[in-house]
Amino acid sequence: MPSRMRRWLCLAAVALIAIHVNAHASMPKHNRRRDACTEDYQQSNVALNLIQVSSSDVVLPRILCFVNTISPNHATKAQAIKDTWGKRCDKLVFLSNVTDNTLGAVAIADVPSDHSHLWQKHKASMQYIWNLYRHDFDWFYKADDDAYVIMENLRAYLRSPEIVMQQDVVPLQLGHRFRLTDNLTEYYVRDKHLLEEYQQRWPHWWVFNSGGPGVVMNSLFMRLAVQSFPLWTCLSDEYSQTLPDDAAIAFCMAWHRVFPPSTRDLSGRERWHANHPRKTCL
């Protein structure tokens, strides 16, 4: 495995394209981080050694990566992304609660930065990126600051015939699919009229892409999502305190009959992973 990937194993995990790593309950002190990363690699190397990285010579398609973060993570998690996989994006933008010119972070105004308002921040970040960059890129990768993306593999997948034949005609959001149970659906959608309409159309069906490893979206998906945010069917800001943002965007797009497709390979293996490599493979 290339040394550049081993360097940041507090963030990295096994995946063909992208992974999510849950943060430890208490972060180690600065002088213990090297030991923590070494231990993490030793415990995960069975899975990590399965990674195969595609050729880095491919320069298309053009991918903008935008990462949601907060100011306490600028010098740690966000900087790690900037130093590693973020360098292989065609453009990298951090969206935060404060502007940080050194990192390249932009403040998202009028949106609380706490965990209870992720749906508001999700919508605001997509709106910001679409307004400024919609004409300049083919794909848009949304991630949090605890994700690791193998950009070489992502580009190879986006150049595959199965994706190329759809990218200009179908709104696409690609990632790792989960499904909400009926009781969680009823808990998250407090508007009973909206819930009833949804369940009449799609009973027992709320499938979404996990936000953990991130998702990649084409221009058609970005445009339709931004246009849909003000609609009643797209869940208003009042739901932000209870609603996971990754599930919310799927609910919003379902009304347009846009659902997350399978991204498994021909052998049934996942390309995106929502868990640590030890939980994925061991």
Foldseek 3Di string as FASTA:
>chain_A
DDVLQLVPQQQDFAFQWKEFEDHDPDDDDPVCVVVVSVVSCVLQVVRVVVYDFADLPDDDDAEEEEEEDEDVCQVPLLVSCVSGVCVSHNHYEYEYCDDDVVSRYDYQPPFDRDQLQVQVVVLSVLVVCCVPPLVPGFKYWYAYSSMDTRVRSVRVLCPDPVNVVPSVPAKAKEAAKDWDAPVVLCVLDVPVVLSVVVCVVPPRGQMFHDRRGIIMTGSVNSVVLNVQCVPPQQDDSVSSRPDDNRSSSSSSCVVVVHHHDAPADPVRHHRYYHYHSSVVPD
